[in-house]
Every structure is written in structure tokens, then in C-alpha cells.
Amino acid sequence: MPICQSCGNKWSWKQSVKSLFRFSRKMKCPYCREMQYQSQDSMKKGSLVALIPIILAPIITMVAQLFFSLEPLFGFVLMIYVLLMGLFFSITPFVLRLSNEEEPLW
């Protein structure tokens, strides 16, 4: 779980997930209200975690078609993507690390 670099408080899982739904890299600490930024290392790891649904969904769909003779139903594929996105959002707070300054991605 992320730890605020200003006040040292550990964010809860719920606070971390809530901060992920913002389109800005700025995050306000719920305890001290100081601006925090996602660290460079955290952004790279988060990008790798984001690949999980993109890679696994087609594989799971093909395996289901082969072993269970399921036709590629839109609802089935959508369900797989939703489940994998849930997995993504449950894992990402454990990868999130904070910084006091905005760091470049590379």
C-alpha cells in the first residue's frame, strides 16, 4: 500500500483505488492534504500490471472455446474482461508508490 512521503501515513486499499480513478497523476493525501505523485518505478510496474487483462482475456477465451465448445459470445468475452479488470484494480494499490515530486516516466 502507498505511504505518503510528507506525513508517513499508510493509505488504505480503498483510498488507493479511489485515487486510481483520477485522470491526473496528482493525488492528494487523505491525511495531510499534501499533493503526492505516482513514482516512476510505480508507473512502470503499473503498466505491466495493466497488461494482464489485455494478454489473458484472449487466451482464456480461446481455451474456453477449445475445451468447452463455447462459441465466441460477446457476453462471455465481456465477462472475462470485467473479471480481469477487477483483478487489475485489486492488484494495483499494492504496486502504487508515492513521491513528493512529479517524476518523468523515462
PDB file of N, CA and C in Angstrom:
ATOM      1  N   MET A   1       0.835  -1.178   0.000  1.00  0.00           N
ATOM      2  CA  MET A   1       0.000   0.000   0.000  1.00  0.00           C
ATOM      3  C   MET A   1       0.886   1.250   0.000  1.00  0.00           C
ATOM      4  N   PRO A   2       0.407   2.299  -0.648  1.00  0.00           N
ATOM      5  CA  PRO A   2       1.231   3.513  -0.707  1.00  0.00           C
ATOM      6  C   PRO A   2       1.344   4.206   0.647  1.00  0.00           C
ATOM      7  N   ILE A   3       2.475   4.840   0.846  1.00  0.00           N
ATOM      8  CA  ILE A   3       2.739   5.604   2.059  1.00  0.00           C
ATOM      9  C   ILE A   3       3.035   7.040   1.645  1.00  0.00           C
ATOM     10  N   CYS A   4       2.352   7.987   2.257  1.00  0.00           N
ATOM     11  CA  CYS A   4       2.553   9.409   1.960  1.00  0.00           C
ATOM     12  C   CYS A   4       3.986   9.789   2.314  1.00  0.00           C
ATOM     13  N   GLN A   5       4.650  10.457   1.392  1.00  0.00           N
ATOM     14  CA  GLN A   5       6.033  10.870   1.617  1.00  0.00           C
ATOM     15  C   GLN A   5       6.127  12.113   2.493  1.00  0.00           C
ATOM     16  N   SER A   6       5.009  12.823   2.684  1.00  0.00           N
ATOM     17  CA  SER A   6       5.012  14.020   3.533  1.00  0.00           C
ATOM     18  C   SER A   6       4.747  13.695   4.992  1.00  0.00           C
ATOM     19  N   CYS A   7       3.666  12.941   5.253  1.00  0.00           N
ATOM     20  CA  CYS A   7       3.285  12.686   6.645  1.00  0.00           C
ATOM     21  C   CYS A   7       3.602  11.263   7.103  1.00  0.00           C
ATOM     22  N   GLY A   8       3.894  10.347   6.177  1.00  0.00           N
ATOM     23  CA  GLY A   8       4.264   8.988   6.540  1.00  0.00           C
ATOM     24  C   GLY A   8       3.098   8.062   6.826  1.00  0.00           C
ATOM     25  N   ASN A   9       1.864   8.501   6.604  1.00  0.00           N
ATOM     26  CA  ASN A   9       0.701   7.647   6.834  1.00  0.00           C
ATOM     27  C   ASN A   9       0.488   6.692   5.668  1.00  0.00           C
ATOM     28  N   LYS A  10       0.083   5.489   6.019  1.00  0.00           N
ATOM     29  CA  LYS A  10      -0.186   4.463   5.015  1.00  0.00           C
ATOM     30  C   LYS A  10      -1.628   4.590   4.539  1.00  0.00           C
ATOM     31  N   TRP A  11      -1.822   4.648   3.222  1.00  0.00           N
ATOM     32  CA  TRP A  11      -3.159   4.755   2.657  1.00  0.00           C
ATOM     33  C   TRP A  11      -3.839   3.401   2.709  1.00  0.00           C
ATOM     34  N   SER A  12      -5.141   3.414   2.851  1.00  0.00           N
ATOM     35  CA  SER A  12      -5.901   2.159   2.823  1.00  0.00           C
ATOM     36  C   SER A  12      -6.080   1.707   1.375  1.00  0.00           C
ATOM     37  N   TRP A  13      -6.516   0.471   1.196  1.00  0.00           N
ATOM     38  CA  TRP A  13      -6.755  -0.068  -0.137  1.00  0.00           C
ATOM     39  C   TRP A  13      -7.825   0.752  -0.844  1.00  0.00           C
ATOM     40  N   LYS A  14      -8.878   1.107  -0.113  1.00  0.00           N
ATOM     41  CA  LYS A  14      -9.982   1.870  -0.692  1.00  0.00           C
ATOM     42  C   LYS A  14      -9.510   3.254  -1.149  1.00  0.00           C
ATOM     43  N   GLN A  15      -8.702   3.925  -0.348  1.00  0.00           N
ATOM     44  CA  GLN A  15      -8.179   5.236  -0.719  1.00  0.00           C
ATOM     45  C   GLN A  15      -7.281   5.131  -1.952  1.00  0.00           C
ATOM     46  N   SER A  16      -6.515   4.058  -2.026  1.00  0.00           N
ATOM     47  CA  SER A  16      -5.615   3.852  -3.165  1.00  0.00           C
ATOM     48  C   SER A  16      -6.399   3.634  -4.451  1.00  0.00           C
ATOM     49  N   VAL A  17      -7.421   2.796  -4.401  1.00  0.00           N
ATOM     50  CA  VAL A  17      -8.226   2.527  -5.589  1.00  0.00           C
ATOM     51  C   VAL A  17      -8.957   3.794  -6.023  1.00  0.00           C
ATOM     52  N   LYS A  18      -9.463   4.539  -5.072  1.00  0.00           N
ATOM     53  CA  LYS A  18     -10.163   5.784  -5.380  1.00  0.00           C
ATOM     54  C   LYS A  18      -9.233   6.756  -6.109  1.00  0.00           C
ATOM     55  N   SER A  19      -7.982   6.818  -5.723  1.00  0.00           N
ATOM     56  CA  SER A  19      -7.038   7.725  -6.371  1.00  0.00           C
ATOM     57  C   SER A  19      -6.704   7.279  -7.791  1.00  0.00           C
ATOM     58  N   LEU A  20      -6.880   5.994  -8.096  1.00  0.00           N
ATOM     59  CA  LEU A  20      -6.578   5.490  -9.434  1.00  0.00           C
ATOM     60  C   LEU A  20      -7.607   5.943 -10.469  1.00  0.00           C
ATOM     61  N   PHE A  21      -8.795   6.331 -10.036  1.00  0.00           N
ATOM     62  CA  PHE A  21      -9.842   6.733 -10.961  1.00  0.00           C
ATOM     63  C   PHE A  21      -9.738   8.200 -11.361  1.00  0.00           C
ATOM     64  N   ARG A  22      -8.682   8.842 -10.991  1.00  0.00           N
ATOM     65  CA  ARG A  22      -8.459  10.227 -11.405  1.00  0.00           C
ATOM     66  C   ARG A  22      -7.601  10.200 -12.659  1.00  0.00           C
ATOM     67  N   PHE A  23      -7.827  11.156 -13.540  1.00  0.00           N
ATOM     68  CA  PHE A  23      -7.077  11.188 -14.794  1.00  0.00           C
ATOM     69  C   PHE A  23      -5.777  11.968 -14.668  1.00  0.00           C
ATOM     70  N   SER A  24      -5.477  12.440 -13.507  1.00  0.00           N
ATOM     71  CA  SER A  24      -4.254  13.192 -13.252  1.00  0.00           C
ATOM     72  C   SER A  24      -3.308  12.335 -12.425  1.00  0.00           C
ATOM     73  N   ARG A  25      -2.024  12.583 -12.562  1.00  0.00           N
ATOM     74  CA  ARG A  25      -1.061  11.849 -11.740  1.00  0.00           C
ATOM     75  C   ARG A  25      -0.961  12.439 -10.345  1.00  0.00           C
ATOM     76  N   LYS A  26      -1.602  13.582 -10.125  1.00  0.00           N
ATOM     77  CA  LYS A  26      -1.602  14.194  -8.796  1.00  0.00           C
ATOM     78  C   LYS A  26      -2.606  13.474  -7.915  1.00  0.00           C
ATOM     79  N   MET A  27      -2.215  13.223  -6.682  1.00  0.00           N
ATOM     80  CA  MET A  27      -3.091  12.617  -5.701  1.00  0.00           C
ATOM     81  C   MET A  27      -2.941  13.378  -4.397  1.00  0.00           C
ATOM     82  N   LYS A  28      -4.036  13.692  -3.773  1.00  0.00           N
ATOM     83  CA  LYS A  28      -3.994  14.427  -2.509  1.00  0.00           C
ATOM     84  C   LYS A  28      -4.039  13.416  -1.367  1.00  0.00           C
ATOM     85  N   CYS A  29      -3.104  13.535  -0.447  1.00  0.00           N
ATOM     86  CA  CYS A  29      -3.072  12.646   0.711  1.00  0.00           C
ATOM     87  C   CYS A  29      -4.339  12.871   1.545  1.00  0.00           C
ATOM     88  N   PRO A  30      -5.057  11.801   1.896  1.00  0.00           N
ATOM     89  CA  PRO A  30      -6.275  11.964   2.692  1.00  0.00           C
ATOM     90  C   PRO A  30      -5.996  12.395   4.132  1.00  0.00           C
ATOM     91  N   TYR A  31      -4.752  12.318   4.567  1.00  0.00           N
ATOM     92  CA  TYR A  31      -4.417  12.660   5.945  1.00  0.00           C
ATOM     93  C   TYR A  31      -3.879  14.087   6.077  1.00  0.00           C
ATOM     94  N   CYS A  32      -2.864  14.432   5.277  1.00  0.00           N
ATOM     95  CA  CYS A  32      -2.234  15.750   5.414  1.00  0.00           C
ATOM     96  C   CYS A  32      -2.614  16.712   4.288  1.00  0.00           C
ATOM     97  N   ARG A  33      -3.325  16.237   3.290  1.00  0.00           N
ATOM     98  CA  ARG A  33      -3.799  17.039   2.154  1.00  0.00           C
ATOM     99  C   ARG A  33      -2.669  17.581   1.270  1.00  0.00           C
ATOM    100  N   GLU A  34      -1.468  17.024   1.399  1.00  0.00           N
ATOM    101  CA  GLU A  34      -0.364  17.416   0.524  1.00  0.00           C
ATOM    102  C   GLU A  34      -0.483  16.648  -0.796  1.00  0.00           C
ATOM    103  N   MET A  35      -0.008  17.276  -1.885  1.00  0.00           N
ATOM    104  CA  MET A  35      -0.047  16.624  -3.182  1.00  0.00           C
ATOM    105  C   MET A  35       1.035  15.551  -3.251  1.00  0.00           C
ATOM    106  N   GLN A  36       0.651  14.406  -3.750  1.00  0.00           N
ATOM    107  CA  GLN A  36       1.555  13.279  -3.947  1.00  0.00           C
ATOM    108  C   GLN A  36       1.478  12.873  -5.415  1.00  0.00           C
ATOM    109  N   TYR A  37       2.548  12.268  -5.903  1.00  0.00           N
ATOM    110  CA  TYR A  37       2.618  11.835  -7.288  1.00  0.00           C
ATOM    111  C   TYR A  37       3.028  10.380  -7.324  1.00  0.00           C
ATOM    112  N   GLN A  38       2.588   9.694  -8.356  1.00  0.00           N
ATOM    113  CA  GLN A  38       2.986   8.294  -8.512  1.00  0.00           C
ATOM    114  C   GLN A  38       4.461   8.267  -8.909  1.00  0.00           C
ATOM    115  N   SER A  39       5.243   7.415  -8.264  1.00  0.00           N
ATOM    116  CA  SER A  39       6.676   7.358  -8.548  1.00  0.00           C
ATOM    117  C   SER A  39       6.934   6.719  -9.916  1.00  0.00           C
ATOM    118  N   GLN A  40       8.108   6.965 -10.442  1.00  0.00           N
ATOM    119  CA  GLN A  40       8.496   6.448 -11.753  1.00  0.00           C
ATOM    120  C   GLN A  40       8.462   4.917 -11.767  1.00  0.00           C
ATOM    121  N   ASP A  41       9.014   4.294 -10.755  1.00  0.00           N
ATOM    122  CA  ASP A  41       9.036   2.839 -10.660  1.00  0.00           C
ATOM    123  C   ASP A  41       7.614   2.279 -10.567  1.00  0.00           C
ATOM    124  N   SER A  42       6.771   2.957  -9.830  1.00  0.00           N
ATOM    125  CA  SER A  42       5.384   2.537  -9.674  1.00  0.00           C
ATOM    126  C   SER A  42       4.625   2.622 -10.997  1.00  0.00           C
ATOM    127  N   MET A  43       4.898   3.654 -11.793  1.00  0.00           N
ATOM    128  CA  MET A  43       4.249   3.786 -13.097  1.00  0.00           C
ATOM    129  C   MET A  43       4.634   2.637 -14.025  1.00  0.00           C
ATOM    130  N   LYS A  44       5.904   2.268 -14.000  1.00  0.00           N
ATOM    131  CA  LYS A  44       6.359   1.161 -14.846  1.00  0.00           C
ATOM    132  C   LYS A  44       5.719  -0.157 -14.424  1.00  0.00           C
ATOM    133  N   LYS A  45       5.696  -0.423 -13.120  1.00  0.00           N
ATOM    134  CA  LYS A  45       5.078  -1.652 -12.630  1.00  0.00           C
ATOM    135  C   LYS A  45       3.575  -1.659 -12.899  1.00  0.00           C
ATOM    136  N   GLY A  46       2.938  -0.505 -12.747  1.00  0.00           N
ATOM    137  CA  GLY A  46       1.511  -0.398 -13.021  1.00  0.00           C
ATOM    138  C   GLY A  46       1.190  -0.674 -14.478  1.00  0.00           C
ATOM    139  N   SER A  47       2.071  -0.251 -15.374  1.00  0.00           N
ATOM    140  CA  SER A  47       1.879  -0.530 -16.794  1.00  0.00           C
ATOM    141  C   SER A  47       1.946  -2.026 -17.071  1.00  0.00           C
ATOM    142  N   LEU A  48       2.857  -2.701 -16.390  1.00  0.00           N
ATOM    143  CA  LEU A  48       2.949  -4.155 -16.572  1.00  0.00           C
ATOM    144  C   LEU A  48       1.710  -4.861 -16.022  1.00  0.00           C
ATOM    145  N   VAL A  49       1.209  -4.408 -14.897  1.00  0.00           N
ATOM    146  CA  VAL A  49       0.000  -4.991 -14.323  1.00  0.00           C
ATOM    147  C   VAL A  49      -1.194  -4.753 -15.245  1.00  0.00           C
ATOM    148  N   ALA A  50      -1.217  -3.602 -15.920  1.00  0.00           N
ATOM    149  CA  ALA A  50      -2.317  -3.277 -16.836  1.00  0.00           C
ATOM    150  C   ALA A  50      -2.342  -4.195 -18.049  1.00  0.00           C
ATOM    151  N   LEU A  51      -1.211  -4.814 -18.366  1.00  0.00           N
ATOM    152  CA  LEU A  51      -1.157  -5.737 -19.497  1.00  0.00           C
ATOM    153  C   LEU A  51      -1.840  -7.076 -19.202  1.00  0.00           C
ATOM    154  N   ILE A  52      -2.033  -7.397 -17.932  1.00  0.00           N
ATOM    155  CA  ILE A  52      -2.627  -8.683 -17.558  1.00  0.00           C
ATOM    156  C   ILE A  52      -3.970  -8.913 -18.240  1.00  0.00           C
ATOM    157  N   PRO A  53      -4.946  -7.989 -18.134  1.00  0.00           N
ATOM    158  CA  PRO A  53      -6.229  -8.241 -18.810  1.00  0.00           C
ATOM    159  C   PRO A  53      -6.105  -8.304 -20.320  1.00  0.00           C
ATOM    160  N   ILE A  54      -5.227  -7.506 -20.883  1.00  0.00           N
ATOM    161  CA  ILE A  54      -5.083  -7.465 -22.339  1.00  0.00           C
ATOM    162  C   ILE A  54      -4.523  -8.776 -22.873  1.00  0.00           C
ATOM    163  N   ILE A  55      -3.614  -9.382 -22.128  1.00  0.00           N
ATOM    164  CA  ILE A  55      -2.992 -10.630 -22.570  1.00  0.00           C
ATOM    165  C   ILE A  55      -3.846 -11.845 -22.208  1.00  0.00           C
ATOM    166  N   LEU A  56      -4.397 -11.877 -21.004  1.00  0.00           N
ATOM    167  CA  LEU A  56      -5.113 -13.062 -20.543  1.00  0.00           C
ATOM    168  C   LEU A  56      -6.497 -13.254 -21.144  1.00  0.00           C
ATOM    169  N   ALA A  57      -7.205 -12.183 -21.437  1.00  0.00           N
ATOM    170  CA  ALA A  57      -8.583 -12.320 -21.928  1.00  0.00           C
ATOM    171  C   ALA A  57      -8.665 -13.123 -23.231  1.00  0.00           C
ATOM    172  N   PRO A  58      -7.859 -12.839 -24.258  1.00  0.00           N
ATOM    173  CA  PRO A  58      -7.944 -13.664 -25.468  1.00  0.00           C
ATOM    174  C   PRO A  58      -7.538 -15.118 -25.229  1.00  0.00           C
ATOM    175  N   ILE A  59      -6.559 -15.333 -24.355  1.00  0.00           N
ATOM    176  CA  ILE A  59      -6.111 -16.697 -24.060  1.00  0.00           C
ATOM    177  C   ILE A  59      -7.226 -17.476 -23.376  1.00  0.00           C
ATOM    178  N   ILE A  60      -7.863 -16.879 -22.377  1.00  0.00           N
ATOM    179  CA  ILE A  60      -8.958 -17.541 -21.661  1.00  0.00           C
ATOM    180  C   ILE A  60     -10.117 -17.819 -22.609  1.00  0.00           C
ATOM    181  N   THR A  61     -10.404 -16.881 -23.503  1.00  0.00           N
ATOM    182  CA  THR A  61     -11.480 -17.072 -24.461  1.00  0.00           C
ATOM    183  C   THR A  61     -11.181 -18.243 -25.394  1.00  0.00           C
ATOM    184  N   MET A  62      -9.943 -18.350 -25.885  1.00  0.00           N
ATOM    185  CA  MET A  62      -9.578 -19.459 -26.773  1.00  0.00           C
ATOM    186  C   MET A  62      -9.636 -20.790 -26.051  1.00  0.00           C
ATOM    187  N   VAL A  63      -9.160 -20.843 -24.822  1.00  0.00           N
ATOM    188  CA  VAL A  63      -9.201 -22.088 -24.046  1.00  0.00           C
ATOM    189  C   VAL A  63     -10.644 -22.512 -23.807  1.00  0.00           C
ATOM    190  N   ALA A  64     -11.503 -21.572 -23.496  1.00  0.00           N
ATOM    191  CA  ALA A  64     -12.918 -21.889 -23.284  1.00  0.00           C
ATOM    192  C   ALA A  64     -13.552 -22.419 -24.559  1.00  0.00           C
ATOM    193  N   GLN A  65     -13.170 -21.866 -25.693  1.00  0.00           N
ATOM    194  CA  GLN A  65     -13.708 -22.349 -26.962  1.00  0.00           C
ATOM    195  C   GLN A  65     -13.238 -23.764 -27.257  1.00  0.00           C
ATOM    196  N   LEU A  66     -11.968 -24.045 -26.978  1.00  0.00           N
ATOM    197  CA  LEU A  66     -11.419 -25.366 -27.278  1.00  0.00           C
ATOM    198  C   LEU A  66     -11.960 -26.459 -26.363  1.00  0.00           C
ATOM    199  N   PHE A  67     -11.962 -26.208 -25.069  1.00  0.00           N
ATOM    200  CA  PHE A  67     -12.315 -27.249 -24.116  1.00  0.00           C
ATOM    201  C   PHE A  67     -13.808 -27.351 -23.829  1.00  0.00           C
ATOM    202  N   PHE A  68     -14.519 -26.257 -23.937  1.00  0.00           N
ATOM    203  CA  PHE A  68     -15.937 -26.274 -23.588  1.00  0.00           C
ATOM    204  C   PHE A  68     -16.839 -26.051 -24.787  1.00  0.00           C
ATOM    205  N   SER A  69     -16.267 -26.000 -25.971  1.00  0.00           N
ATOM    206  CA  SER A  69     -17.006 -25.799 -27.223  1.00  0.00           C
ATOM    207  C   SER A  69     -17.905 -24.571 -27.154  1.00  0.00           C
ATOM    208  N   LEU A  70     -17.432 -23.536 -26.518  1.00  0.00           N
ATOM    209  CA  LEU A  70     -18.193 -22.289 -26.453  1.00  0.00           C
ATOM    210  C   LEU A  70     -17.892 -21.452 -27.686  1.00  0.00           C
ATOM    211  N   GLU A  71     -18.916 -20.921 -28.254  1.00  0.00           N
ATOM    212  CA  GLU A  71     -18.715 -20.004 -29.363  1.00  0.00           C
ATOM    213  C   GLU A  71     -18.328 -18.649 -28.789  1.00  0.00           C
ATOM    214  N   PRO A  72     -17.620 -17.855 -29.573  1.00  0.00           N
ATOM    215  CA  PRO A  72     -17.169 -16.566 -29.038  1.00  0.00           C
ATOM    216  C   PRO A  72     -18.335 -15.603 -28.825  1.00  0.00           C
ATOM    217  N   LEU A  73     -19.033 -15.816 -27.755  1.00  0.00           N
ATOM    218  CA  LEU A  73     -20.161 -14.966 -27.423  1.00  0.00           C
ATOM    219  C   LEU A  73     -19.660 -13.656 -26.840  1.00  0.00           C
ATOM    220  N   PHE A  74     -20.276 -12.577 -27.261  1.00  0.00           N
ATOM    221  CA  PHE A  74     -19.872 -11.255 -26.794  1.00  0.00           C
ATOM    222  C   PHE A  74     -19.998 -11.151 -25.279  1.00  0.00           C
ATOM    223  N   GLY A  75     -21.051 -11.690 -24.727  1.00  0.00           N
ATOM    224  CA  GLY A  75     -21.271 -11.626 -23.281  1.00  0.00           C
ATOM    225  C   GLY A  75     -20.190 -12.356 -22.502  1.00  0.00           C
ATOM    226  N   PHE A  76     -19.748 -13.509 -23.007  1.00  0.00           N
ATOM    227  CA  PHE A  76     -18.709 -14.288 -22.343  1.00  0.00           C
ATOM    228  C   PHE A  76     -17.389 -13.519 -22.354  1.00  0.00           C
ATOM    229  N   VAL A  77     -17.037 -12.966 -23.524  1.00  0.00           N
ATOM    230  CA  VAL A  77     -15.787 -12.207 -23.641  1.00  0.00           C
ATOM    231  C   VAL A  77     -15.841 -10.970 -22.746  1.00  0.00           C
ATOM    232  N   LEU A  78     -16.971 -10.297 -22.724  1.00  0.00           N
ATOM    233  CA  LEU A  78     -17.130  -9.111 -21.880  1.00  0.00           C
ATOM    234  C   LEU A  78     -16.996  -9.481 -20.402  1.00  0.00           C
ATOM    235  N   MET A  79     -17.557 -10.619 -20.010  1.00  0.00           N
ATOM    236  CA  MET A  79     -17.459 -11.068 -18.623  1.00  0.00           C
ATOM    237  C   MET A  79     -15.996 -11.334 -18.234  1.00  0.00           C
ATOM    238  N   ILE A  80     -15.240 -11.943 -19.133  1.00  0.00           N
ATOM    239  CA  ILE A  80     -13.822 -12.211 -18.882  1.00  0.00           C
ATOM    240  C   ILE A  80     -13.061 -10.902 -18.700  1.00  0.00           C
ATOM    241  N   TYR A  81     -13.316  -9.932 -19.575  1.00  0.00           N
ATOM    242  CA  TYR A  81     -12.641  -8.640 -19.443  1.00  0.00           C
ATOM    243  C   TYR A  81     -13.007  -7.941 -18.133  1.00  0.00           C
ATOM    244  N   VAL A  82     -14.260  -7.990 -17.748  1.00  0.00           N
ATOM    245  CA  VAL A  82     -14.687  -7.344 -16.497  1.00  0.00           C
ATOM    246  C   VAL A  82     -14.006  -8.010 -15.299  1.00  0.00           C
ATOM    247  N   LEU A  83     -13.945  -9.331 -15.295  1.00  0.00           N
ATOM    248  CA  LEU A  83     -13.276 -10.042 -14.198  1.00  0.00           C
ATOM    249  C   LEU A  83     -11.785  -9.704 -14.140  1.00  0.00           C
ATOM    250  N   LEU A  84     -11.150  -9.646 -15.293  1.00  0.00           N
ATOM    251  CA  LEU A  84      -9.723  -9.335 -15.312  1.00  0.00           C
ATOM    252  C   LEU A  84      -9.455  -7.875 -14.944  1.00  0.00           C
ATOM    253  N   MET A  85     -10.346  -6.975 -15.305  1.00  0.00           N
ATOM    254  CA  MET A  85     -10.186  -5.582 -14.890  1.00  0.00           C
ATOM    255  C   MET A  85     -10.369  -5.453 -13.367  1.00  0.00           C
ATOM    256  N   GLY A  86     -11.271  -6.245 -12.809  1.00  0.00           N
ATOM    257  CA  GLY A  86     -11.410  -6.287 -11.352  1.00  0.00           C
ATOM    258  C   GLY A  86     -10.128  -6.760 -10.695  1.00  0.00           C
ATOM    259  N   LEU A  87      -9.502  -7.763 -11.299  1.00  0.00           N
ATOM    260  CA  LEU A  87      -8.212  -8.246 -10.810  1.00  0.00           C
ATOM    261  C   LEU A  87      -7.167  -7.138 -10.889  1.00  0.00           C
ATOM    262  N   PHE A  88      -7.158  -6.404 -11.995  1.00  0.00           N
ATOM    263  CA  PHE A  88      -6.222  -5.299 -12.166  1.00  0.00           C
ATOM    264  C   PHE A  88      -6.392  -4.259 -11.059  1.00  0.00           C
ATOM    265  N   PHE A  89      -7.638  -3.841 -10.794  1.00  0.00           N
ATOM    266  CA  PHE A  89      -7.871  -2.809  -9.787  1.00  0.00           C
ATOM    267  C   PHE A  89      -7.631  -3.314  -8.368  1.00  0.00           C
ATOM    268  N   SER A  90      -7.679  -4.621  -8.160  1.00  0.00           N
ATOM    269  CA  SER A  90      -7.394  -5.120  -6.813  1.00  0.00           C
ATOM    270  C   SER A  90      -5.891  -5.277  -6.573  1.00  0.00           C
ATOM    271  N   ILE A  91      -5.115  -5.448  -7.631  1.00  0.00           N
ATOM    272  CA  ILE A  91      -3.660  -5.616  -7.501  1.00  0.00           C
ATOM    273  C   ILE A  91      -2.933  -4.277  -7.488  1.00  0.00           C
ATOM    274  N   THR A  92      -3.398  -3.326  -8.289  1.00  0.00           N
ATOM    275  CA  THR A  92      -2.688  -2.069  -8.495  1.00  0.00           C
ATOM    276  C   THR A  92      -2.365  -1.303  -7.209  1.00  0.00           C
ATOM    277  N   PRO A  93      -3.234  -1.221  -6.196  1.00  0.00           N
ATOM    278  CA  PRO A  93      -2.849  -0.480  -4.980  1.00  0.00           C
ATOM    279  C   PRO A  93      -1.609  -1.043  -4.277  1.00  0.00           C
ATOM    280  N   PHE A  94      -1.317  -2.313  -4.483  1.00  0.00           N
ATOM    281  CA  PHE A  94      -0.136  -2.908  -3.859  1.00  0.00           C
ATOM    282  C   PHE A  94       1.143  -2.524  -4.603  1.00  0.00           C
ATOM    283  N   VAL A  95       1.004  -2.025  -5.828  1.00  0.00           N
ATOM    284  CA  VAL A  95       2.138  -1.618  -6.645  1.00  0.00           C
ATOM    285  C   VAL A  95       2.372  -0.109  -6.543  1.00  0.00           C
ATOM    286  N   LEU A  96       1.351   0.630  -6.128  1.00  0.00           N
ATOM    287  CA  LEU A  96       1.391   2.096  -6.094  1.00  0.00           C
ATOM    288  C   LEU A  96       2.380   2.601  -5.040  1.00  0.00           C
ATOM    289  N   ARG A  97       3.308   3.434  -5.484  1.00  0.00           N
ATOM    290  CA  ARG A  97       4.268   4.092  -4.600  1.00  0.00           C
ATOM    291  C   ARG A  97       4.186   5.585  -4.873  1.00  0.00           C
ATOM    292  N   LEU A  98       4.383   6.379  -3.842  1.00  0.00           N
ATOM    293  CA  LEU A  98       4.205   7.824  -3.955  1.00  0.00           C
ATOM    294  C   LEU A  98       5.525   8.571  -3.869  1.00  0.00           C
ATOM    295  N   SER A  99       5.502   9.790  -4.417  1.00  0.00           N
ATOM    296  CA  SER A  99       6.658  10.680  -4.395  1.00  0.00           C
ATOM    297  C   SER A  99       6.157  12.096  -4.142  1.00  0.00           C
ATOM    298  N   ASN A 100       6.996  12.932  -3.544  1.00  0.00           N
ATOM    299  CA  ASN A 100       6.649  14.330  -3.319  1.00  0.00           C
ATOM    300  C   ASN A 100       6.736  15.164  -4.582  1.00  0.00           C
ATOM    301  N   GLU A 101       7.524  14.706  -5.559  1.00  0.00           N
ATOM    302  CA  GLU A 101       7.738  15.448  -6.784  1.00  0.00           C
ATOM    303  C   GLU A 101       7.289  14.604  -7.972  1.00  0.00           C
ATOM    304  N   GLU A 102       6.852  15.300  -9.010  1.00  0.00           N
ATOM    305  CA  GLU A 102       6.463  14.598 -10.228  1.00  0.00           C
ATOM    306  C   GLU A 102       7.716  14.147 -10.962  1.00  0.00           C
ATOM    307  N   GLU A 103       7.785  12.855 -11.232  1.00  0.00           N
ATOM    308  CA  GLU A 103       8.949  12.273 -11.896  1.00  0.00           C
ATOM    309  C   GLU A 103       8.583  11.946 -13.342  1.00  0.00           C
ATOM    310  N   PRO A 104       9.540  12.087 -14.263  1.00  0.00           N
ATOM    311  CA  PRO A 104       9.250  11.701 -15.649  1.00  0.00           C
ATOM    312  C   PRO A 104       9.148  10.177 -15.758  1.00  0.00           C
ATOM    313  N   LEU A 105       8.393   9.718 -16.744  1.00  0.00           N
ATOM    314  CA  LEU A 105       8.222   8.270 -16.907  1.00  0.00           C
ATOM    315  C   LEU A 105       9.525   7.589 -17.276  1.00  0.00           C
ATOM    316  N   TRP A 106      10.327   8.211 -18.108  1.00  0.00           N
ATOM    317  CA  TRP A 106      11.602   7.612 -18.514  1.00  0.00           C
ATOM    318  C   TRP A 106      12.695   8.478 -18.012  1.00  0.00           C
TER     319      TRP A 106
END
